[in-house]
PDB file of N, CA and C in Angstrom:
ATOM      1  N   MET A   1       0.479 -28.043  20.366  1.00  0.00           N
ATOM      2  CA  MET A   1       0.486 -26.690  19.839  1.00  0.00           C
ATOM      3  C   MET A   1      -0.494 -25.814  20.620  1.00  0.00           C
ATOM      4  N   LYS A   2      -1.730 -26.320  20.833  1.00  0.00           N
ATOM      5  CA  LYS A   2      -2.721 -25.539  21.568  1.00  0.00           C
ATOM      6  C   LYS A   2      -2.299 -25.344  23.018  1.00  0.00           C
ATOM      7  N   THR A   3      -1.642 -26.364  23.592  1.00  0.00           N
ATOM      8  CA  THR A   3      -1.172 -26.251  24.970  1.00  0.00           C
ATOM      9  C   THR A   3      -0.091 -25.184  25.065  1.00  0.00           C
ATOM     10  N   LYS A   4       0.803 -25.164  24.083  1.00  0.00           N
ATOM     11  CA  LYS A   4       1.864 -24.161  24.068  1.00  0.00           C
ATOM     12  C   LYS A   4       1.264 -22.768  23.920  1.00  0.00           C
ATOM     13  N   LEU A   5       0.259 -22.633  23.047  1.00  0.00           N
ATOM     14  CA  LEU A   5      -0.412 -21.353  22.851  1.00  0.00           C
ATOM     15  C   LEU A   5      -1.118 -20.912  24.130  1.00  0.00           C
ATOM     16  N   ALA A   6      -1.732 -21.862  24.828  1.00  0.00           N
ATOM     17  CA  ALA A   6      -2.406 -21.541  26.084  1.00  0.00           C
ATOM     18  C   ALA A   6      -1.405 -21.095  27.136  1.00  0.00           C
ATOM     19  N   LEU A   7      -0.237 -21.732  27.185  1.00  0.00           N
ATOM     20  CA  LEU A   7       0.799 -21.331  28.138  1.00  0.00           C
ATOM     21  C   LEU A   7       1.309 -19.931  27.836  1.00  0.00           C
ATOM     22  N   VAL A   8       1.519 -19.644  26.554  1.00  0.00           N
ATOM     23  CA  VAL A   8       1.976 -18.312  26.165  1.00  0.00           C
ATOM     24  C   VAL A   8       0.923 -17.269  26.519  1.00  0.00           C
ATOM     25  N   ALA A   9      -0.333 -17.585  26.239  1.00  0.00           N
ATOM     26  CA  ALA A   9      -1.411 -16.647  26.560  1.00  0.00           C
ATOM     27  C   ALA A   9      -1.511 -16.440  28.061  1.00  0.00           C
ATOM     28  N   GLY A  10      -1.384 -17.501  28.833  1.00  0.00           N
ATOM     29  CA  GLY A  10      -1.430 -17.385  30.292  1.00  0.00           C
ATOM     30  C   GLY A  10      -0.284 -16.563  30.822  1.00  0.00           C
ATOM     31  N   ALA A  11       0.903 -16.782  30.280  1.00  0.00           N
ATOM     32  CA  ALA A  11       2.068 -16.012  30.714  1.00  0.00           C
ATOM     33  C   ALA A  11       1.901 -14.536  30.372  1.00  0.00           C
ATOM     34  N   ALA A  12       1.346 -14.259  29.210  1.00  0.00           N
ATOM     35  CA  ALA A  12       1.127 -12.866  28.819  1.00  0.00           C
ATOM     36  C   ALA A  12       0.101 -12.209  29.736  1.00  0.00           C
ATOM     37  N   LEU A  13      -0.945 -12.951  30.086  1.00  0.00           N
ATOM     38  CA  LEU A  13      -1.944 -12.399  31.004  1.00  0.00           C
ATOM     39  C   LEU A  13      -1.332 -12.104  32.363  1.00  0.00           C
ATOM     40  N   LEU A  14      -0.456 -12.996  32.844  1.00  0.00           N
ATOM     41  CA  LEU A  14       0.196 -12.755  34.124  1.00  0.00           C
ATOM     42  C   LEU A  14       1.136 -11.552  34.044  1.00  0.00           C
ATOM     43  N   ALA A  15       1.792 -11.399  32.913  1.00  0.00           N
ATOM     44  CA  ALA A  15       2.744 -10.301  32.760  1.00  0.00           C
ATOM     45  C   ALA A  15       2.058  -8.949  32.759  1.00  0.00           C
ATOM     46  N   VAL A  16       0.840  -8.883  32.261  1.00  0.00           N
ATOM     47  CA  VAL A  16       0.154  -7.601  32.194  1.00  0.00           C
ATOM     48  C   VAL A  16      -0.860  -7.420  33.316  1.00  0.00           C
ATOM     49  N   SER A  17      -0.919  -8.355  34.252  1.00  0.00           N
ATOM     50  CA  SER A  17      -1.934  -8.270  35.301  1.00  0.00           C
ATOM     51  C   SER A  17      -1.732  -7.068  36.209  1.00  0.00           C
ATOM     52  N   THR A  18      -0.523  -6.563  36.287  1.00  0.00           N
ATOM     53  CA  THR A  18      -0.274  -5.397  37.122  1.00  0.00           C
ATOM     54  C   THR A  18      -0.496  -4.095  36.368  1.00  0.00           C
ATOM     55  N   SER A  19      -0.753  -4.182  35.071  1.00  0.00           N
ATOM     56  CA  SER A  19      -0.978  -2.993  34.265  1.00  0.00           C
ATOM     57  C   SER A  19      -2.395  -2.477  34.463  1.00  0.00           C
ATOM     58  N   ALA A  20      -2.675  -1.348  33.822  1.00  0.00           N
ATOM     59  CA  ALA A  20      -4.021  -0.775  33.872  1.00  0.00           C
ATOM     60  C   ALA A  20      -5.007  -1.720  33.204  1.00  0.00           C
ATOM     61  N   SER A  21      -6.286  -1.564  33.523  1.00  0.00           N
ATOM     62  CA  SER A  21      -7.300  -2.475  32.993  1.00  0.00           C
ATOM     63  C   SER A  21      -7.376  -2.434  31.475  1.00  0.00           C
ATOM     64  N   ALA A  22      -7.018  -1.316  30.862  1.00  0.00           N
ATOM     65  CA  ALA A  22      -7.022  -1.236  29.401  1.00  0.00           C
ATOM     66  C   ALA A  22      -5.925  -2.114  28.804  1.00  0.00           C
ATOM     67  N   GLN A  23      -4.957  -2.527  29.609  1.00  0.00           N
ATOM     68  CA  GLN A  23      -3.848  -3.340  29.133  1.00  0.00           C
ATOM     69  C   GLN A  23      -4.186  -4.825  29.105  1.00  0.00           C
ATOM     70  N   VAL A  24      -5.187  -5.261  29.834  1.00  0.00           N
ATOM     71  CA  VAL A  24      -5.503  -6.678  29.955  1.00  0.00           C
ATOM     72  C   VAL A  24      -6.392  -7.113  28.803  1.00  0.00           C
ATOM     73  N   PRO A  25      -5.972  -8.140  28.042  1.00  0.00           N
ATOM     74  CA  PRO A  25      -6.819  -8.609  26.951  1.00  0.00           C
ATOM     75  C   PRO A  25      -8.074  -9.292  27.505  1.00  0.00           C
ATOM     76  N   PRO A  26      -9.151  -9.250  26.756  1.00  0.00           N
ATOM     77  CA  PRO A  26     -10.390  -9.896  27.207  1.00  0.00           C
ATOM     78  C   PRO A  26     -10.214 -11.404  27.299  1.00  0.00           C
ATOM     79  N   LEU A  27     -11.039 -12.013  28.122  1.00  0.00           N
ATOM     80  CA  LEU A  27     -10.909 -13.440  28.376  1.00  0.00           C
ATOM     81  C   LEU A  27     -11.805 -14.291  27.490  1.00  0.00           C
ATOM     82  N   ASN A  28     -12.807 -13.707  26.826  1.00  0.00           N
ATOM     83  CA  ASN A  28     -13.688 -14.490  25.958  1.00  0.00           C
ATOM     84  C   ASN A  28     -14.123 -13.643  24.764  1.00  0.00           C
ATOM     85  N   PHE A  29     -14.770 -14.302  23.817  1.00  0.00           N
ATOM     86  CA  PHE A  29     -15.146 -13.592  22.596  1.00  0.00           C
ATOM     87  C   PHE A  29     -16.133 -12.466  22.864  1.00  0.00           C
ATOM     88  N   ASP A  30     -17.078 -12.680  23.770  1.00  0.00           N
ATOM     89  CA  ASP A  30     -18.068 -11.631  24.050  1.00  0.00           C
ATOM     90  C   ASP A  30     -17.413 -10.351  24.540  1.00  0.00           C
ATOM     91  N   GLN A  31     -16.332 -10.475  25.285  1.00  0.00           N
ATOM     92  CA  GLN A  31     -15.607  -9.285  25.719  1.00  0.00           C
ATOM     93  C   GLN A  31     -14.743  -8.738  24.584  1.00  0.00           C
ATOM     94  N   ALA A  32     -14.083  -9.623  23.859  1.00  0.00           N
ATOM     95  CA  ALA A  32     -13.158  -9.215  22.805  1.00  0.00           C
ATOM     96  C   ALA A  32     -13.869  -8.513  21.655  1.00  0.00           C
ATOM     97  N   ALA A  33     -15.076  -8.929  21.337  1.00  0.00           N
ATOM     98  CA  ALA A  33     -15.793  -8.380  20.189  1.00  0.00           C
ATOM     99  C   ALA A  33     -16.124  -6.902  20.350  1.00  0.00           C
ATOM    100  N   TYR A  34     -16.164  -6.421  21.578  1.00  0.00           N
ATOM    101  CA  TYR A  34     -16.558  -5.028  21.813  1.00  0.00           C
ATOM    102  C   TYR A  34     -15.397  -4.125  22.200  1.00  0.00           C
ATOM    103  N   ILE A  35     -14.185  -4.540  21.871  1.00  0.00           N
ATOM    104  CA  ILE A  35     -13.010  -3.701  22.068  1.00  0.00           C
ATOM    105  C   ILE A  35     -12.888  -2.800  20.841  1.00  0.00           C
ATOM    106  N   THR A  36     -12.818  -1.510  21.050  1.00  0.00           N
ATOM    107  CA  THR A  36     -12.660  -0.592  19.924  1.00  0.00           C
ATOM    108  C   THR A  36     -11.194  -0.539  19.495  1.00  0.00           C
ATOM    109  N   CYS A  37     -10.974   0.010  18.325  1.00  0.00           N
ATOM    110  CA  CYS A  37      -9.603   0.176  17.839  1.00  0.00           C
ATOM    111  C   CYS A  37      -8.806   1.056  18.798  1.00  0.00           C
ATOM    112  N   LYS A  38      -9.432   2.082  19.320  1.00  0.00           N
ATOM    113  CA  LYS A  38      -8.745   2.988  20.245  1.00  0.00           C
ATOM    114  C   LYS A  38      -8.355   2.257  21.524  1.00  0.00           C
ATOM    115  N   GLN A  39      -9.248   1.441  22.060  1.00  0.00           N
ATOM    116  CA  GLN A  39      -8.934   0.669  23.262  1.00  0.00           C
ATOM    117  C   GLN A  39      -7.808  -0.327  22.982  1.00  0.00           C
ATOM    118  N   ALA A  40      -7.835  -0.946  21.822  1.00  0.00           N
ATOM    119  CA  ALA A  40      -6.771  -1.882  21.452  1.00  0.00           C
ATOM    120  C   ALA A  40      -5.445  -1.141  21.304  1.00  0.00           C
ATOM    121  N   HIS A  41      -5.492   0.040  20.733  1.00  0.00           N
ATOM    122  CA  HIS A  41      -4.275   0.842  20.561  1.00  0.00           C
ATOM    123  C   HIS A  41      -3.649   1.200  21.907  1.00  0.00           C
ATOM    124  N   ASP A  42      -4.477   1.371  22.918  1.00  0.00           N
ATOM    125  CA  ASP A  42      -3.997   1.714  24.260  1.00  0.00           C
ATOM    126  C   ASP A  42      -3.388   0.522  24.996  1.00  0.00           C
ATOM    127  N   MET A  43      -3.545  -0.675  24.453  1.00  0.00           N
ATOM    128  CA  MET A  43      -2.985  -1.877  25.078  1.00  0.00           C
ATOM    129  C   MET A  43      -1.492  -1.972  24.784  1.00  0.00           C
ATOM    130  N   ALA A  44      -0.797  -2.750  25.602  1.00  0.00           N
ATOM    131  CA  ALA A  44       0.602  -3.057  25.323  1.00  0.00           C
ATOM    132  C   ALA A  44       0.677  -3.870  24.025  1.00  0.00           C
ATOM    133  N   PRO A  45       1.802  -3.831  23.332  1.00  0.00           N
ATOM    134  CA  PRO A  45       1.894  -4.503  22.027  1.00  0.00           C
ATOM    135  C   PRO A  45       1.558  -5.994  22.032  1.00  0.00           C
ATOM    136  N   GLU A  46       2.082  -6.768  22.964  1.00  0.00           N
ATOM    137  CA  GLU A  46       1.833  -8.210  22.954  1.00  0.00           C
ATOM    138  C   GLU A  46       0.369  -8.571  23.203  1.00  0.00           C
ATOM    139  N   PRO A  47      -0.294  -8.008  24.228  1.00  0.00           N
ATOM    140  CA  PRO A  47      -1.721  -8.314  24.389  1.00  0.00           C
ATOM    141  C   PRO A  47      -2.556  -7.857  23.192  1.00  0.00           C
ATOM    142  N   ARG A  48      -2.177  -6.743  22.579  1.00  0.00           N
ATOM    143  CA  ARG A  48      -2.894  -6.250  21.396  1.00  0.00           C
ATOM    144  C   ARG A  48      -2.746  -7.234  20.242  1.00  0.00           C
ATOM    145  N   LYS A  49      -1.545  -7.772  20.052  1.00  0.00           N
ATOM    146  CA  LYS A  49      -1.329  -8.757  18.988  1.00  0.00           C
ATOM    147  C   LYS A  49      -2.123 -10.029  19.259  1.00  0.00           C
ATOM    148  N   MET A  50      -2.111 -10.463  20.522  1.00  0.00           N
ATOM    149  CA  MET A  50      -2.877 -11.661  20.888  1.00  0.00           C
ATOM    150  C   MET A  50      -4.358 -11.456  20.606  1.00  0.00           C
ATOM    151  N   LEU A  51      -4.872 -10.282  20.952  1.00  0.00           N
ATOM    152  CA  LEU A  51      -6.278  -9.961  20.709  1.00  0.00           C
ATOM    153  C   LEU A  51      -6.582  -9.972  19.217  1.00  0.00           C
ATOM    154  N   ALA A  52      -5.741  -9.321  18.432  1.00  0.00           N
ATOM    155  CA  ALA A  52      -5.970  -9.253  16.984  1.00  0.00           C
ATOM    156  C   ALA A  52      -5.923 -10.642  16.343  1.00  0.00           C
ATOM    157  N   VAL A  53      -4.976 -11.463  16.752  1.00  0.00           N
ATOM    158  CA  VAL A  53      -4.876 -12.822  16.210  1.00  0.00           C
ATOM    159  C   VAL A  53      -6.106 -13.640  16.607  1.00  0.00           C
ATOM    160  N   TYR A  54      -6.525 -13.518  17.854  1.00  0.00           N
ATOM    161  CA  TYR A  54      -7.712 -14.235  18.331  1.00  0.00           C
ATOM    162  C   TYR A  54      -8.943 -13.838  17.510  1.00  0.00           C
ATOM    163  N   LEU A  55      -9.135 -12.545  17.305  1.00  0.00           N
ATOM    164  CA  LEU A  55     -10.297 -12.071  16.539  1.00  0.00           C
ATOM    165  C   LEU A  55     -10.194 -12.469  15.074  1.00  0.00           C
ATOM    166  N   ALA A  56      -8.988 -12.416  14.514  1.00  0.00           N
ATOM    167  CA  ALA A  56      -8.799 -12.805  13.117  1.00  0.00           C
ATOM    168  C   ALA A  56      -9.064 -14.295  12.921  1.00  0.00           C
ATOM    169  N   GLU A  57      -8.633 -15.112  13.873  1.00  0.00           N
ATOM    170  CA  GLU A  57      -8.906 -16.544  13.776  1.00  0.00           C
ATOM    171  C   GLU A  57     -10.398 -16.822  13.865  1.00  0.00           C
ATOM    172  N   HIS A  58     -11.090 -16.114  14.737  1.00  0.00           N
ATOM    173  CA  HIS A  58     -12.534 -16.295  14.875  1.00  0.00           C
ATOM    174  C   HIS A  58     -13.250 -15.899  13.575  1.00  0.00           C
ATOM    175  N   ALA A  59     -12.902 -14.735  13.048  1.00  0.00           N
ATOM    176  CA  ALA A  59     -13.548 -14.246  11.824  1.00  0.00           C
ATOM    177  C   ALA A  59     -13.224 -15.147  10.629  1.00  0.00           C
ATOM    178  N   SER A  60     -11.992 -15.598  10.530  1.00  0.00           N
ATOM    179  CA  SER A  60     -11.628 -16.443   9.391  1.00  0.00           C
ATOM    180  C   SER A  60     -12.322 -17.803   9.462  1.00  0.00           C
ATOM    181  N   ARG A  61     -12.485 -18.341  10.682  1.00  0.00           N
ATOM    182  CA  ARG A  61     -13.238 -19.599  10.814  1.00  0.00           C
ATOM    183  C   ARG A  61     -14.683 -19.403  10.364  1.00  0.00           C
ATOM    184  N   TYR A  62     -15.282 -18.305  10.776  1.00  0.00           N
ATOM    185  CA  TYR A  62     -16.673 -18.025  10.398  1.00  0.00           C
ATOM    186  C   TYR A  62     -16.793 -17.883   8.880  1.00  0.00           C
ATOM    187  N   ARG A  63     -15.825 -17.246   8.262  1.00  0.00           N
ATOM    188  CA  ARG A  63     -15.853 -17.026   6.807  1.00  0.00           C
ATOM    189  C   ARG A  63     -15.373 -18.233   6.016  1.00  0.00           C
ATOM    190  N   GLY A  64     -14.835 -19.250   6.703  1.00  0.00           N
ATOM    191  CA  GLY A  64     -14.401 -20.469   6.022  1.00  0.00           C
ATOM    192  C   GLY A  64     -13.094 -20.341   5.273  1.00  0.00           C
ATOM    193  N   VAL A  65     -12.231 -19.452   5.740  1.00  0.00           N
ATOM    194  CA  VAL A  65     -10.940 -19.250   5.097  1.00  0.00           C
ATOM    195  C   VAL A  65      -9.824 -19.346   6.131  1.00  0.00           C
ATOM    196  N   VAL A  66      -8.603 -19.370   5.633  1.00  0.00           N
ATOM    197  CA  VAL A  66      -7.408 -19.391   6.473  1.00  0.00           C
ATOM    198  C   VAL A  66      -6.592 -18.149   6.135  1.00  0.00           C
ATOM    199  N   ILE A  67      -6.059 -17.505   7.153  1.00  0.00           N
ATOM    200  CA  ILE A  67      -5.193 -16.349   6.916  1.00  0.00           C
ATOM    201  C   ILE A  67      -3.753 -16.845   6.914  1.00  0.00           C
ATOM    202  N   PRO A  68      -3.092 -16.809   5.758  1.00  0.00           N
ATOM    203  CA  PRO A  68      -1.729 -17.325   5.672  1.00  0.00           C
ATOM    204  C   PRO A  68      -0.696 -16.314   6.183  1.00  0.00           C
ATOM    205  N   ASP A  69       0.497 -16.820   6.475  1.00  0.00           N
ATOM    206  CA  ASP A  69       1.621 -15.961   6.865  1.00  0.00           C
ATOM    207  C   ASP A  69       2.407 -15.590   5.616  1.00  0.00           C
ATOM    208  N   ASN A  70       1.788 -14.792   4.759  1.00  0.00           N
ATOM    209  CA  ASN A  70       2.469 -14.344   3.545  1.00  0.00           C
ATOM    210  C   ASN A  70       1.989 -12.931   3.214  1.00  0.00           C
ATOM    211  N   GLU A  71       2.135 -12.527   1.974  1.00  0.00           N
ATOM    212  CA  GLU A  71       1.764 -11.174   1.578  1.00  0.00           C
ATOM    213  C   GLU A  71       0.266 -10.903   1.745  1.00  0.00           C
ATOM    214  N   VAL A  72      -0.560 -11.914   1.546  1.00  0.00           N
ATOM    215  CA  VAL A  72      -2.007 -11.730   1.701  1.00  0.00           C
ATOM    216  C   VAL A  72      -2.345 -11.471   3.167  1.00  0.00           C
ATOM    217  N   GLY A  73      -1.716 -12.209   4.070  1.00  0.00           N
ATOM    218  CA  GLY A  73      -1.908 -11.966   5.500  1.00  0.00           C
ATOM    219  C   GLY A  73      -1.430 -10.577   5.890  1.00  0.00           C
ATOM    220  N   ALA A  74      -0.316 -10.157   5.317  1.00  0.00           N
ATOM    221  CA  ALA A  74       0.206  -8.809   5.586  1.00  0.00           C
ATOM    222  C   ALA A  74      -0.745  -7.744   5.042  1.00  0.00           C
ATOM    223  N   GLN A  75      -1.352  -8.020   3.900  1.00  0.00           N
ATOM    224  CA  GLN A  75      -2.311  -7.068   3.326  1.00  0.00           C
ATOM    225  C   GLN A  75      -3.524  -6.906   4.241  1.00  0.00           C
ATOM    226  N   ILE A  76      -3.983  -7.989   4.834  1.00  0.00           N
ATOM    227  CA  ILE A  76      -5.099  -7.911   5.786  1.00  0.00           C
ATOM    228  C   ILE A  76      -4.697  -7.052   6.977  1.00  0.00           C
ATOM    229  N   ALA A  77      -3.472  -7.260   7.467  1.00  0.00           N
ATOM    230  CA  ALA A  77      -2.981  -6.457   8.590  1.00  0.00           C
ATOM    231  C   ALA A  77      -2.933  -4.975   8.228  1.00  0.00           C
ATOM    232  N   HIS A  78      -2.513  -4.658   7.014  1.00  0.00           N
ATOM    233  CA  HIS A  78      -2.474  -3.260   6.570  1.00  0.00           C
ATOM    234  C   HIS A  78      -3.882  -2.676   6.475  1.00  0.00           C
ATOM    235  N   LEU A  79      -4.826  -3.467   5.995  1.00  0.00           N
ATOM    236  CA  LEU A  79      -6.210  -3.002   5.924  1.00  0.00           C
ATOM    237  C   LEU A  79      -6.779  -2.729   7.312  1.00  0.00           C
ATOM    238  N   VAL A  80      -6.452  -3.594   8.263  1.00  0.00           N
ATOM    239  CA  VAL A  80      -6.924  -3.390   9.640  1.00  0.00           C
ATOM    240  C   VAL A  80      -6.303  -2.125  10.219  1.00  0.00           C
ATOM    241  N   ARG A  81      -5.024  -1.963  10.008  1.00  0.00           N
ATOM    242  CA  ARG A  81      -4.347  -0.761  10.519  1.00  0.00           C
ATOM    243  C   ARG A  81      -4.964   0.503   9.917  1.00  0.00           C
ATOM    244  N   GLY A  82      -5.198   0.496   8.620  1.00  0.00           N
ATOM    245  CA  GLY A  82      -5.813   1.643   7.962  1.00  0.00           C
ATOM    246  C   GLY A  82      -7.235   1.888   8.433  1.00  0.00           C
ATOM    247  N   GLY A  83      -8.005   0.806   8.585  1.00  0.00           N
ATOM    248  CA  GLY A  83      -9.384   0.939   9.055  1.00  0.00           C
ATOM    249  C   GLY A  83      -9.450   1.503  10.456  1.00  0.00           C
ATOM    250  N   CYS A  84      -8.541   1.071  11.310  1.00  0.00           N
ATOM    251  CA  CYS A  84      -8.526   1.587  12.681  1.00  0.00           C
ATOM    252  C   CYS A  84      -8.028   3.037  12.726  1.00  0.00           C
ATOM    253  N   THR A  85      -7.161   3.404  11.806  1.00  0.00           N
ATOM    254  CA  THR A  85      -6.707   4.794  11.740  1.00  0.00           C
ATOM    255  C   THR A  85      -7.854   5.702  11.323  1.00  0.00           C
ATOM    256  N   LEU A  86      -8.645   5.251  10.358  1.00  0.00           N
ATOM    257  CA  LEU A  86      -9.769   6.054   9.874  1.00  0.00           C
ATOM    258  C   LEU A  86     -10.942   6.090  10.836  1.00  0.00           C
ATOM    259  N   ALA A  87     -11.151   5.004  11.571  1.00  0.00           N
ATOM    260  CA  ALA A  87     -12.305   4.910  12.471  1.00  0.00           C
ATOM    261  C   ALA A  87     -11.872   4.330  13.821  1.00  0.00           C
ATOM    262  N   PRO A  88     -11.218   5.116  14.667  1.00  0.00           N
ATOM    263  CA  PRO A  88     -10.728   4.581  15.936  1.00  0.00           C
ATOM    264  C   PRO A  88     -11.832   4.123  16.895  1.00  0.00           C
ATOM    265  N   ASP A  89     -13.049   4.597  16.697  1.00  0.00           N
ATOM    266  CA  ASP A  89     -14.151   4.178  17.556  1.00  0.00           C
ATOM    267  C   ASP A  89     -14.851   2.919  17.053  1.00  0.00           C
ATOM    268  N   ALA A  90     -14.396   2.390  15.912  1.00  0.00           N
ATOM    269  CA  ALA A  90     -14.977   1.151  15.377  1.00  0.00           C
ATOM    270  C   ALA A  90     -14.504  -0.027  16.211  1.00  0.00           C
ATOM    271  N   TYR A  91     -15.317  -1.068  16.259  1.00  0.00           N
ATOM    272  CA  TYR A  91     -14.907  -2.282  16.956  1.00  0.00           C
ATOM    273  C   TYR A  91     -13.813  -2.972  16.154  1.00  0.00           C
ATOM    274  N   LEU A  92     -12.757  -3.368  16.827  1.00  0.00           N
ATOM    275  CA  LEU A  92     -11.633  -4.029  16.168  1.00  0.00           C
ATOM    276  C   LEU A  92     -12.088  -5.277  15.419  1.00  0.00           C
ATOM    277  N   PHE A  93     -13.000  -6.041  16.005  1.00  0.00           N
ATOM    278  CA  PHE A  93     -13.494  -7.252  15.351  1.00  0.00           C
ATOM    279  C   PHE A  93     -14.150  -6.927  14.014  1.00  0.00           C
ATOM    280  N   THR A  94     -14.931  -5.865  13.970  1.00  0.00           N
ATOM    281  CA  THR A  94     -15.605  -5.474  12.728  1.00  0.00           C
ATOM    282  C   THR A  94     -14.587  -5.089  11.663  1.00  0.00           C
ATOM    283  N   VAL A  95     -13.576  -4.340  12.052  1.00  0.00           N
ATOM    284  CA  VAL A  95     -12.532  -3.930  11.104  1.00  0.00           C
ATOM    285  C   VAL A  95     -11.794  -5.156  10.575  1.00  0.00           C
ATOM    286  N   ILE A  96     -11.453  -6.085  11.450  1.00  0.00           N
ATOM    287  CA  ILE A  96     -10.754  -7.298  11.031  1.00  0.00           C
ATOM    288  C   ILE A  96     -11.637  -8.128  10.106  1.00  0.00           C
ATOM    289  N   ASP A  97     -12.900  -8.301  10.453  1.00  0.00           N
ATOM    290  CA  ASP A  97     -13.813  -9.091   9.634  1.00  0.00           C
ATOM    291  C   ASP A  97     -13.980  -8.480   8.247  1.00  0.00           C
ATOM    292  N   ARG A  98     -14.118  -7.182   8.186  1.00  0.00           N
ATOM    293  CA  ARG A  98     -14.278  -6.524   6.874  1.00  0.00           C
ATOM    294  C   ARG A  98     -13.012  -6.612   6.037  1.00  0.00           C
ATOM    295  N   ALA A  99     -11.854  -6.577   6.687  1.00  0.00           N
ATOM    296  CA  ALA A  99     -10.598  -6.748   5.951  1.00  0.00           C
ATOM    297  C   ALA A  99     -10.521  -8.159   5.371  1.00  0.00           C
ATOM    298  N   ILE A 100     -10.964  -9.144   6.134  1.00  0.00           N
ATOM    299  CA  ILE A 100     -10.980 -10.528   5.644  1.00  0.00           C
ATOM    300  C   ILE A 100     -11.944 -10.663   4.471  1.00  0.00           C
ATOM    301  N   VAL A 101     -13.109 -10.064   4.577  1.00  0.00           N
ATOM    302  CA  VAL A 101     -14.085 -10.118   3.480  1.00  0.00           C
ATOM    303  C   VAL A 101     -13.514  -9.448   2.231  1.00  0.00           C
ATOM    304  N   ALA A 102     -12.805  -8.342   2.408  1.00  0.00           N
ATOM    305  CA  ALA A 102     -12.229  -7.633   1.260  1.00  0.00           C
ATOM    306  C   ALA A 102     -11.188  -8.482   0.528  1.00  0.00           C
ATOM    307  N   GLU A 103     -10.470  -9.326   1.250  1.00  0.00           N
ATOM    308  CA  GLU A 103      -9.414 -10.139   0.653  1.00  0.00           C
ATOM    309  C   GLU A 103      -9.801 -11.612   0.511  1.00  0.00           C
ATOM    310  N   MET A 104     -11.061 -11.938   0.745  1.00  0.00           N
ATOM    311  CA  MET A 104     -11.486 -13.334   0.798  1.00  0.00           C
ATOM    312  C   MET A 104     -11.209 -14.100  -0.500  1.00  0.00           C
ATOM    313  N   SER A 105     -11.290 -13.465  -1.635  1.00  0.00           N
ATOM    314  CA  SER A 105     -11.054 -14.180  -2.888  1.00  0.00           C
ATOM    315  C   SER A 105      -9.592 -14.648  -3.008  1.00  0.00           C
ATOM    316  N   LYS A 106      -8.693 -14.040  -2.263  1.00  0.00           N
ATOM    317  CA  LYS A 106      -7.271 -14.390  -2.312  1.00  0.00           C
ATOM    318  C   LYS A 106      -6.866 -15.376  -1.214  1.00  0.00           C
ATOM    319  N   LEU A 107      -7.798 -15.653  -0.291  1.00  0.00           N
ATOM    320  CA  LEU A 107      -7.482 -16.501   0.861  1.00  0.00           C
ATOM    321  C   LEU A 107      -7.810 -17.966   0.575  1.00  0.00           C
ATOM    322  N   PRO A 108      -6.979 -18.892   1.075  1.00  0.00           N
ATOM    323  CA  PRO A 108      -7.288 -20.313   0.894  1.00  0.00           C
ATOM    324  C   PRO A 108      -8.492 -20.709   1.743  1.00  0.00           C
ATOM    325  N   LYS A 109      -9.277 -21.632   1.207  1.00  0.00           N
ATOM    326  CA  LYS A 109     -10.451 -22.135   1.916  1.00  0.00           C
ATOM    327  C   LYS A 109     -10.014 -23.038   3.064  1.00  0.00           C
ATOM    328  N   ARG A 110     -10.782 -22.997   4.132  1.00  0.00           N
ATOM    329  CA  ARG A 110     -10.539 -23.844   5.303  1.00  0.00           C
ATOM    330  C   ARG A 110     -10.954 -25.276   4.969  1.00  0.00           C
ATOM    331  N   ARG A 111     -10.193 -26.239   5.419  1.00  0.00           N
ATOM    332  CA  ARG A 111     -10.515 -27.655   5.154  1.00  0.00           C
ATOM    333  C   ARG A 111     -11.370 -28.209   6.240  1.00  0.00           C
TER     334      ARG A 111
END
């Protein structure tokens, strides 16, 4: 599974390598953590989704929860979208983390 995810991520990076620098997703957490909502919005859809999933997985691991693929996961996505609409200069990671904290009581605990 991780190998398949790495291949998909590598292919996506190759696909956007000819795009503008704002289109290329960061390669590590230190770079990803300082991407603003506005910068993420300027990215192509697939790299933006990869970035958001990467940051959400990092934040959920830190908080000890799992983000499910159901209505609760969709609610987190809506909170992130709303937070980025209200504060486009906010760091995407911060918006995602706060959305997870807001819904943490509804999220399953990590094993």
